[in-house]
Amino acid sequence: MSKQLKIEIASKDDFWRNAVSLEWSTRFPQRQLAAVGTGLYSIDIRWLDDLQDVALECNSTVIVAPSDPTRRSLFTQFLPVRLTSEQ
């Protein structure tokens, strides 16, 4: 069994996010993106390069979730809050 990654497809809007899904299913009909939440998918790690190429062509980006989210949340406790110009 190959390793699974949790990813997010980040796009400007729903049009481009849907374009990634459509292009992916057209090029790789045997590779199904398994939804694991809103905007989150589980993919075979071997598909990552292909999915990144498809996303790039559709003005989108593939973001790989951290392998250990609890470690990431631990570090955010020590980072200062970033203020934006709107605050």
PDB file of N, CA and C in Angstrom:
ATOM      1  N   MET A   1       0.850  -1.179   0.000  1.00  0.00           N
ATOM      2  CA  MET A   1       0.000   0.000   0.000  1.00  0.00           C
ATOM      3  C   MET A   1       0.891   1.237   0.000  1.00  0.00           C
ATOM      4  N   SER A   2       0.546   2.191  -0.831  1.00  0.00           N
ATOM      5  CA  SER A   2       1.355   3.401  -0.901  1.00  0.00           C
ATOM      6  C   SER A   2       0.893   4.421   0.132  1.00  0.00           C
ATOM      7  N   LYS A   3       1.758   5.361   0.388  1.00  0.00           N
ATOM      8  CA  LYS A   3       1.485   6.383   1.393  1.00  0.00           C
ATOM      9  C   LYS A   3       0.468   7.394   0.866  1.00  0.00           C
ATOM     10  N   GLN A   4      -0.424   7.822   1.733  1.00  0.00           N
ATOM     11  CA  GLN A   4      -1.443   8.815   1.402  1.00  0.00           C
ATOM     12  C   GLN A   4      -1.042  10.180   1.959  1.00  0.00           C
ATOM     13  N   LEU A   5      -1.363  11.223   1.203  1.00  0.00           N
ATOM     14  CA  LEU A   5      -1.153  12.598   1.644  1.00  0.00           C
ATOM     15  C   LEU A   5      -2.493  13.294   1.735  1.00  0.00           C
ATOM     16  N   LYS A   6      -2.622  14.181   2.686  1.00  0.00           N
ATOM     17  CA  LYS A   6      -3.794  15.040   2.738  1.00  0.00           C
ATOM     18  C   LYS A   6      -3.376  16.359   2.107  1.00  0.00           C
ATOM     19  N   ILE A   7      -4.157  16.819   1.117  1.00  0.00           N
ATOM     20  CA  ILE A   7      -3.823  18.045   0.408  1.00  0.00           C
ATOM     21  C   ILE A   7      -5.033  18.960   0.328  1.00  0.00           C
ATOM     22  N   GLU A   8      -4.753  20.210   0.028  1.00  0.00           N
ATOM     23  CA  GLU A   8      -5.789  21.191  -0.262  1.00  0.00           C
ATOM     24  C   GLU A   8      -5.488  21.779  -1.627  1.00  0.00           C
ATOM     25  N   ILE A   9      -6.508  22.019  -2.416  1.00  0.00           N
ATOM     26  CA  ILE A   9      -6.338  22.691  -3.691  1.00  0.00           C
ATOM     27  C   ILE A   9      -6.752  24.135  -3.473  1.00  0.00           C
ATOM     28  N   ALA A  10      -5.764  25.032  -3.510  1.00  0.00           N
ATOM     29  CA  ALA A  10      -6.019  26.453  -3.287  1.00  0.00           C
ATOM     30  C   ALA A  10      -6.150  27.147  -4.633  1.00  0.00           C
ATOM     31  N   SER A  11      -7.268  27.816  -4.821  1.00  0.00           N
ATOM     32  CA  SER A  11      -7.561  28.512  -6.068  1.00  0.00           C
ATOM     33  C   SER A  11      -8.139  29.881  -5.774  1.00  0.00           C
ATOM     34  N   LYS A  12      -8.117  30.733  -6.779  1.00  0.00           N
ATOM     35  CA  LYS A  12      -8.677  32.074  -6.645  1.00  0.00           C
ATOM     36  C   LYS A  12     -10.170  32.025  -6.328  1.00  0.00           C
ATOM     37  N   ASP A  13     -10.858  31.063  -6.951  1.00  0.00           N
ATOM     38  CA  ASP A  13     -12.295  30.926  -6.719  1.00  0.00           C
ATOM     39  C   ASP A  13     -12.745  29.514  -7.102  1.00  0.00           C
ATOM     40  N   ASP A  14     -14.048  29.271  -6.971  1.00  0.00           N
ATOM     41  CA  ASP A  14     -14.595  27.938  -7.253  1.00  0.00           C
ATOM     42  C   ASP A  14     -14.410  27.525  -8.706  1.00  0.00           C
ATOM     43  N   PHE A  15     -14.443  28.486  -9.615  1.00  0.00           N
ATOM     44  CA  PHE A  15     -14.265  28.165 -11.032  1.00  0.00           C
ATOM     45  C   PHE A  15     -12.948  27.425 -11.258  1.00  0.00           C
ATOM     46  N   TRP A  16     -11.861  27.976 -10.719  1.00  0.00           N
ATOM     47  CA  TRP A  16     -10.539  27.371 -10.936  1.00  0.00           C
ATOM     48  C   TRP A  16     -10.386  26.067 -10.153  1.00  0.00           C
ATOM     49  N   ARG A  17     -10.979  25.994  -8.964  1.00  0.00           N
ATOM     50  CA  ARG A  17     -10.919  24.759  -8.176  1.00  0.00           C
ATOM     51  C   ARG A  17     -11.648  23.640  -8.927  1.00  0.00           C
ATOM     52  N   ASN A  18     -12.797  23.967  -9.508  1.00  0.00           N
ATOM     53  CA  ASN A  18     -13.528  22.982 -10.304  1.00  0.00           C
ATOM     54  C   ASN A  18     -12.764  22.615 -11.571  1.00  0.00           C
ATOM     55  N   ALA A  19     -12.045  23.584 -12.137  1.00  0.00           N
ATOM     56  CA  ALA A  19     -11.235  23.306 -13.326  1.00  0.00           C
ATOM     57  C   ALA A  19     -10.158  22.275 -13.024  1.00  0.00           C
ATOM     58  N   VAL A  20      -9.554  22.365 -11.844  1.00  0.00           N
ATOM     59  CA  VAL A  20      -8.536  21.375 -11.450  1.00  0.00           C
ATOM     60  C   VAL A  20      -9.171  19.992 -11.382  1.00  0.00           C
ATOM     61  N   SER A  21     -10.304  19.889 -10.729  1.00  0.00           N
ATOM     62  CA  SER A  21     -10.983  18.592 -10.601  1.00  0.00           C
ATOM     63  C   SER A  21     -11.357  18.015 -11.958  1.00  0.00           C
ATOM     64  N   LEU A  22     -11.889  18.862 -12.831  1.00  0.00           N
ATOM     65  CA  LEU A  22     -12.291  18.400 -14.157  1.00  0.00           C
ATOM     66  C   LEU A  22     -11.081  17.961 -14.985  1.00  0.00           C
ATOM     67  N   GLU A  23     -10.039  18.765 -14.979  1.00  0.00           N
ATOM     68  CA  GLU A  23      -8.831  18.420 -15.747  1.00  0.00           C
ATOM     69  C   GLU A  23      -8.192  17.146 -15.200  1.00  0.00           C
ATOM     70  N   TRP A  24      -8.162  17.009 -13.879  1.00  0.00           N
ATOM     71  CA  TRP A  24      -7.586  15.815 -13.251  1.00  0.00           C
ATOM     72  C   TRP A  24      -8.359  14.559 -13.663  1.00  0.00           C
ATOM     73  N   SER A  25      -9.684  14.626 -13.580  1.00  0.00           N
ATOM     74  CA  SER A  25     -10.497  13.447 -13.909  1.00  0.00           C
ATOM     75  C   SER A  25     -10.437  13.121 -15.406  1.00  0.00           C
ATOM     76  N   THR A  26     -10.180  14.125 -16.232  1.00  0.00           N
ATOM     77  CA  THR A  26     -10.036  13.889 -17.671  1.00  0.00           C
ATOM     78  C   THR A  26      -8.709  13.213 -17.983  1.00  0.00           C
ATOM     79  N   ARG A  27      -7.648  13.716 -17.386  1.00  0.00           N
ATOM     80  CA  ARG A  27      -6.308  13.162 -17.659  1.00  0.00           C
ATOM     81  C   ARG A  27      -6.062  11.827 -16.961  1.00  0.00           C
ATOM     82  N   PHE A  28      -6.560  11.712 -15.757  1.00  0.00           N
ATOM     83  CA  PHE A  28      -6.274  10.534 -14.930  1.00  0.00           C
ATOM     84  C   PHE A  28      -7.578   9.942 -14.388  1.00  0.00           C
ATOM     85  N   PRO A  29      -8.415   9.380 -15.240  1.00  0.00           N
ATOM     86  CA  PRO A  29      -9.717   8.880 -14.770  1.00  0.00           C
ATOM     87  C   PRO A  29      -9.601   7.751 -13.744  1.00  0.00           C
ATOM     88  N   GLN A  30      -8.495   7.042 -13.726  1.00  0.00           N
ATOM     89  CA  GLN A  30      -8.314   5.947 -12.772  1.00  0.00           C
ATOM     90  C   GLN A  30      -7.840   6.445 -11.397  1.00  0.00           C
ATOM     91  N   ARG A  31      -7.483   7.729 -11.301  1.00  0.00           N
ATOM     92  CA  ARG A  31      -6.997   8.305 -10.038  1.00  0.00           C
ATOM     93  C   ARG A  31      -8.071   9.209  -9.451  1.00  0.00           C
ATOM     94  N   GLN A  32      -8.783   8.718  -8.482  1.00  0.00           N
ATOM     95  CA  GLN A  32      -9.863   9.483  -7.859  1.00  0.00           C
ATOM     96  C   GLN A  32      -9.330  10.296  -6.684  1.00  0.00           C
ATOM     97  N   LEU A  33      -9.705  11.571  -6.647  1.00  0.00           N
ATOM     98  CA  LEU A  33      -9.377  12.403  -5.495  1.00  0.00           C
ATOM     99  C   LEU A  33     -10.427  12.130  -4.419  1.00  0.00           C
ATOM    100  N   ALA A  34      -9.994  11.579  -3.295  1.00  0.00           N
ATOM    101  CA  ALA A  34     -10.914  11.226  -2.212  1.00  0.00           C
ATOM    102  C   ALA A  34     -11.092  12.423  -1.280  1.00  0.00           C
ATOM    103  N   ALA A  35     -12.284  13.000  -1.270  1.00  0.00           N
ATOM    104  CA  ALA A  35     -12.578  14.136  -0.396  1.00  0.00           C
ATOM    105  C   ALA A  35     -12.578  13.680   1.059  1.00  0.00           C
ATOM    106  N   VAL A  36     -11.865  14.426   1.903  1.00  0.00           N
ATOM    107  CA  VAL A  36     -11.819  14.113   3.334  1.00  0.00           C
ATOM    108  C   VAL A  36     -12.278  15.305   4.171  1.00  0.00           C
ATOM    109  N   GLY A  37     -12.864  16.267   3.523  1.00  0.00           N
ATOM    110  CA  GLY A  37     -13.349  17.465   4.190  1.00  0.00           C
ATOM    111  C   GLY A  37     -13.571  18.534   3.144  1.00  0.00           C
ATOM    112  N   THR A  38     -14.001  19.684   3.584  1.00  0.00           N
ATOM    113  CA  THR A  38     -14.258  20.774   2.651  1.00  0.00           C
ATOM    114  C   THR A  38     -12.940  21.259   2.051  1.00  0.00           C
ATOM    115  N   GLY A  39     -12.769  20.998   0.768  1.00  0.00           N
ATOM    116  CA  GLY A  39     -11.553  21.428   0.074  1.00  0.00           C
ATOM    117  C   GLY A  39     -10.333  20.582   0.354  1.00  0.00           C
ATOM    118  N   LEU A  40     -10.484  19.522   1.126  1.00  0.00           N
ATOM    119  CA  LEU A  40      -9.355  18.649   1.456  1.00  0.00           C
ATOM    120  C   LEU A  40      -9.522  17.296   0.778  1.00  0.00           C
ATOM    121  N   TYR A  41      -8.410  16.752   0.339  1.00  0.00           N
ATOM    122  CA  TYR A  41      -8.428  15.471  -0.365  1.00  0.00           C
ATOM    123  C   TYR A  41      -7.305  14.591   0.144  1.00  0.00           C
ATOM    124  N   SER A  42      -7.505  13.298   0.002  1.00  0.00           N
ATOM    125  CA  SER A  42      -6.461  12.315   0.289  1.00  0.00           C
ATOM    126  C   SER A  42      -6.019  11.749  -1.050  1.00  0.00           C
ATOM    127  N   ILE A  43      -4.705  11.813  -1.311  1.00  0.00           N
ATOM    128  CA  ILE A  43      -4.174  11.314  -2.578  1.00  0.00           C
ATOM    129  C   ILE A  43      -3.009  10.377  -2.326  1.00  0.00           C
ATOM    130  N   ASP A  44      -2.730   9.553  -3.299  1.00  0.00           N
ATOM    131  CA  ASP A  44      -1.536   8.713  -3.284  1.00  0.00           C
ATOM    132  C   ASP A  44      -0.334   9.629  -3.464  1.00  0.00           C
ATOM    133  N   ILE A  45       0.690   9.472  -2.663  1.00  0.00           N
ATOM    134  CA  ILE A  45       1.868  10.344  -2.717  1.00  0.00           C
ATOM    135  C   ILE A  45       2.506  10.348  -4.112  1.00  0.00           C
ATOM    136  N   ARG A  46       2.334   9.268  -4.856  1.00  0.00           N
ATOM    137  CA  ARG A  46       2.938   9.180  -6.198  1.00  0.00           C
ATOM    138  C   ARG A  46       2.239  10.108  -7.194  1.00  0.00           C
ATOM    139  N   TRP A  47       1.067  10.612  -6.861  1.00  0.00           N
ATOM    140  CA  TRP A  47       0.322  11.489  -7.757  1.00  0.00           C
ATOM    141  C   TRP A  47       0.671  12.964  -7.582  1.00  0.00           C
ATOM    142  N   LEU A  48       1.416  13.298  -6.557  1.00  0.00           N
ATOM    143  CA  LEU A  48       1.617  14.696  -6.182  1.00  0.00           C
ATOM    144  C   LEU A  48       2.170  15.544  -7.329  1.00  0.00           C
ATOM    145  N   ASP A  49       3.216  15.096  -7.995  1.00  0.00           N
ATOM    146  CA  ASP A  49       3.799  15.886  -9.079  1.00  0.00           C
ATOM    147  C   ASP A  49       2.799  16.123 -10.202  1.00  0.00           C
ATOM    148  N   ASP A  50       2.060  15.097 -10.578  1.00  0.00           N
ATOM    149  CA  ASP A  50       1.058  15.248 -11.633  1.00  0.00           C
ATOM    150  C   ASP A  50      -0.040  16.217 -11.215  1.00  0.00           C
ATOM    151  N   LEU A  51      -0.491  16.111  -9.970  1.00  0.00           N
ATOM    152  CA  LEU A  51      -1.550  16.997  -9.495  1.00  0.00           C
ATOM    153  C   LEU A  51      -1.058  18.435  -9.425  1.00  0.00           C
ATOM    154  N   GLN A  52       0.179  18.645  -9.022  1.00  0.00           N
ATOM    155  CA  GLN A  52       0.731  19.997  -8.987  1.00  0.00           C
ATOM    156  C   GLN A  52       0.797  20.592 -10.390  1.00  0.00           C
ATOM    157  N   ASP A  53       1.162  19.788 -11.384  1.00  0.00           N
ATOM    158  CA  ASP A  53       1.194  20.256 -12.777  1.00  0.00           C
ATOM    159  C   ASP A  53      -0.191  20.664 -13.251  1.00  0.00           C
ATOM    160  N   VAL A  54      -1.189  19.830 -12.972  1.00  0.00           N
ATOM    161  CA  VAL A  54      -2.563  20.138 -13.373  1.00  0.00           C
ATOM    162  C   VAL A  54      -3.036  21.416 -12.667  1.00  0.00           C
ATOM    163  N   ALA A  55      -2.769  21.527 -11.388  1.00  0.00           N
ATOM    164  CA  ALA A  55      -3.192  22.710 -10.627  1.00  0.00           C
ATOM    165  C   ALA A  55      -2.544  23.976 -11.182  1.00  0.00           C
ATOM    166  N   LEU A  56      -1.272  23.913 -11.487  1.00  0.00           N
ATOM    167  CA  LEU A  56      -0.570  25.069 -12.032  1.00  0.00           C
ATOM    168  C   LEU A  56      -1.204  25.532 -13.338  1.00  0.00           C
ATOM    169  N   GLU A  57      -1.578  24.587 -14.189  1.00  0.00           N
ATOM    170  CA  GLU A  57      -2.227  24.917 -15.459  1.00  0.00           C
ATOM    171  C   GLU A  57      -3.610  25.533 -15.250  1.00  0.00           C
ATOM    172  N   CYS A  58      -4.189  25.310 -14.086  1.00  0.00           N
ATOM    173  CA  CYS A  58      -5.525  25.840 -13.774  1.00  0.00           C
ATOM    174  C   CYS A  58      -5.450  26.975 -12.746  1.00  0.00           C
ATOM    175  N   ASN A  59      -4.322  27.692 -12.732  1.00  0.00           N
ATOM    176  CA  ASN A  59      -4.155  28.842 -11.829  1.00  0.00           C
ATOM    177  C   ASN A  59      -4.439  28.494 -10.375  1.00  0.00           C
ATOM    178  N   SER A  60      -3.960  27.349  -9.951  1.00  0.00           N
ATOM    179  CA  SER A  60      -4.197  26.872  -8.587  1.00  0.00           C
ATOM    180  C   SER A  60      -2.904  26.305  -8.006  1.00  0.00           C
ATOM    181  N   THR A  61      -2.956  25.990  -6.735  1.00  0.00           N
ATOM    182  CA  THR A  61      -1.805  25.451  -6.024  1.00  0.00           C
ATOM    183  C   THR A  61      -2.251  24.271  -5.163  1.00  0.00           C
ATOM    184  N   VAL A  62      -1.391  23.271  -5.067  1.00  0.00           N
ATOM    185  CA  VAL A  62      -1.639  22.141  -4.172  1.00  0.00           C
ATOM    186  C   VAL A  62      -0.853  22.390  -2.896  1.00  0.00           C
ATOM    187  N   ILE A  63      -1.550  22.386  -1.782  1.00  0.00           N
ATOM    188  CA  ILE A  63      -0.915  22.579  -0.474  1.00  0.00           C
ATOM    189  C   ILE A  63      -0.962  21.250   0.260  1.00  0.00           C
ATOM    190  N   VAL A  64       0.200  20.776   0.668  1.00  0.00           N
ATOM    191  CA  VAL A  64       0.288  19.506   1.390  1.00  0.00           C
ATOM    192  C   VAL A  64       0.132  19.784   2.876  1.00  0.00           C
ATOM    193  N   ALA A  65      -0.794  19.079   3.493  1.00  0.00           N
ATOM    194  CA  ALA A  65      -1.021  19.231   4.932  1.00  0.00           C
ATOM    195  C   ALA A  65       0.177  18.682   5.702  1.00  0.00           C
ATOM    196  N   PRO A  66       0.446  19.237   6.868  1.00  0.00           N
ATOM    197  CA  PRO A  66       1.555  18.725   7.677  1.00  0.00           C
ATOM    198  C   PRO A  66       1.293  17.277   8.088  1.00  0.00           C
ATOM    199  N   SER A  67       2.362  16.501   8.164  1.00  0.00           N
ATOM    200  CA  SER A  67       2.201  15.098   8.545  1.00  0.00           C
ATOM    201  C   SER A  67       1.790  14.948  10.005  1.00  0.00           C
ATOM    202  N   ASP A  68       2.165  15.930  10.834  1.00  0.00           N
ATOM    203  CA  ASP A  68       1.796  15.906  12.251  1.00  0.00           C
ATOM    204  C   ASP A  68       1.194  17.256  12.632  1.00  0.00           C
ATOM    205  N   PRO A  69      -0.113  17.433  12.450  1.00  0.00           N
ATOM    206  CA  PRO A  69      -0.737  18.735  12.724  1.00  0.00           C
ATOM    207  C   PRO A  69      -0.610  19.182  14.174  1.00  0.00           C
ATOM    208  N   THR A  70      -0.482  18.261  15.120  1.00  0.00           N
ATOM    209  CA  THR A  70      -0.358  18.661  16.528  1.00  0.00           C
ATOM    210  C   THR A  70       0.964  19.374  16.767  1.00  0.00           C
ATOM    211  N   ARG A  71       2.003  18.966  16.067  1.00  0.00           N
ATOM    212  CA  ARG A  71       3.298  19.628  16.203  1.00  0.00           C
ATOM    213  C   ARG A  71       3.203  21.057  15.667  1.00  0.00           C
ATOM    214  N   ARG A  72       2.519  21.220  14.543  1.00  0.00           N
ATOM    215  CA  ARG A  72       2.348  22.551  13.962  1.00  0.00           C
ATOM    216  C   ARG A  72       1.586  23.458  14.913  1.00  0.00           C
ATOM    217  N   SER A  73       0.526  22.962  15.527  1.00  0.00           N
ATOM    218  CA  SER A  73      -0.255  23.795  16.443  1.00  0.00           C
ATOM    219  C   SER A  73       0.555  24.139  17.693  1.00  0.00           C
ATOM    220  N   LEU A  74       1.465  23.285  18.092  1.00  0.00           N
ATOM    221  CA  LEU A  74       2.325  23.565  19.234  1.00  0.00           C
ATOM    222  C   LEU A  74       3.193  24.789  18.961  1.00  0.00           C
ATOM    223  N   PHE A  75       3.771  24.872  17.751  1.00  0.00           N
ATOM    224  CA  PHE A  75       4.634  25.995  17.415  1.00  0.00           C
ATOM    225  C   PHE A  75       3.864  27.304  17.300  1.00  0.00           C
ATOM    226  N   THR A  76       2.605  27.257  16.894  1.00  0.00           N
ATOM    227  CA  THR A  76       1.837  28.495  16.763  1.00  0.00           C
ATOM    228  C   THR A  76       1.581  29.142  18.121  1.00  0.00           C
ATOM    229  N   GLN A  77       1.699  28.400  19.201  1.00  0.00           N
ATOM    230  CA  GLN A  77       1.523  28.969  20.532  1.00  0.00           C
ATOM    231  C   GLN A  77       2.645  29.948  20.859  1.00  0.00           C
ATOM    232  N   PHE A  78       3.820  29.754  20.229  1.00  0.00           N
ATOM    233  CA  PHE A  78       4.982  30.573  20.539  1.00  0.00           C
ATOM    234  C   PHE A  78       5.208  31.705  19.545  1.00  0.00           C
ATOM    235  N   LEU A  79       4.445  31.723  18.461  1.00  0.00           N
ATOM    236  CA  LEU A  79       4.610  32.760  17.452  1.00  0.00           C
ATOM    237  C   LEU A  79       3.759  33.973  17.812  1.00  0.00           C
ATOM    238  N   PRO A  80       4.307  35.169  17.584  1.00  0.00           N
ATOM    239  CA  PRO A  80       3.496  36.364  17.877  1.00  0.00           C
ATOM    240  C   PRO A  80       2.352  36.483  16.876  1.00  0.00           C
ATOM    241  N   VAL A  81       1.311  37.144  17.302  1.00  0.00           N
ATOM    242  CA  VAL A  81       0.168  37.371  16.432  1.00  0.00           C
ATOM    243  C   VAL A  81       0.566  38.395  15.395  1.00  0.00           C
ATOM    244  N   ARG A  82       0.263  38.118  14.121  1.00  0.00           N
ATOM    245  CA  ARG A  82       0.591  39.038  13.046  1.00  0.00           C
ATOM    246  C   ARG A  82      -0.568  40.009  12.859  1.00  0.00           C
ATOM    247  N   LEU A  83      -0.269  41.298  12.904  1.00  0.00           N
ATOM    248  CA  LEU A  83      -1.292  42.309  12.728  1.00  0.00           C
ATOM    249  C   LEU A  83      -1.334  42.717  11.262  1.00  0.00           C
ATOM    250  N   THR A  84      -2.522  42.916  10.752  1.00  0.00           N
ATOM    251  CA  THR A  84      -2.676  43.378   9.376  1.00  0.00           C
ATOM    252  C   THR A  84      -3.022  44.847   9.374  1.00  0.00           C
ATOM    253  N   SER A  85      -2.995  45.463   8.229  1.00  0.00           N
ATOM    254  CA  SER A  85      -3.287  46.893   8.136  1.00  0.00           C
ATOM    255  C   SER A  85      -4.741  47.203   8.467  1.00  0.00           C
ATOM    256  N   GLU A  86      -5.637  46.206   8.393  1.00  0.00           N
ATOM    257  CA  GLU A  86      -7.033  46.446   8.693  1.00  0.00           C
ATOM    258  C   GLU A  86      -7.307  46.486  10.182  1.00  0.00           C
ATOM    259  N   GLN A  87      -6.403  46.016  10.997  1.00  0.00           N
ATOM    260  CA  GLN A  87      -6.659  45.958  12.431  1.00  0.00           C
ATOM    261  C   GLN A  87      -6.315  47.261  13.112  1.00  0.00           C
TER     262      GLN A  87
END
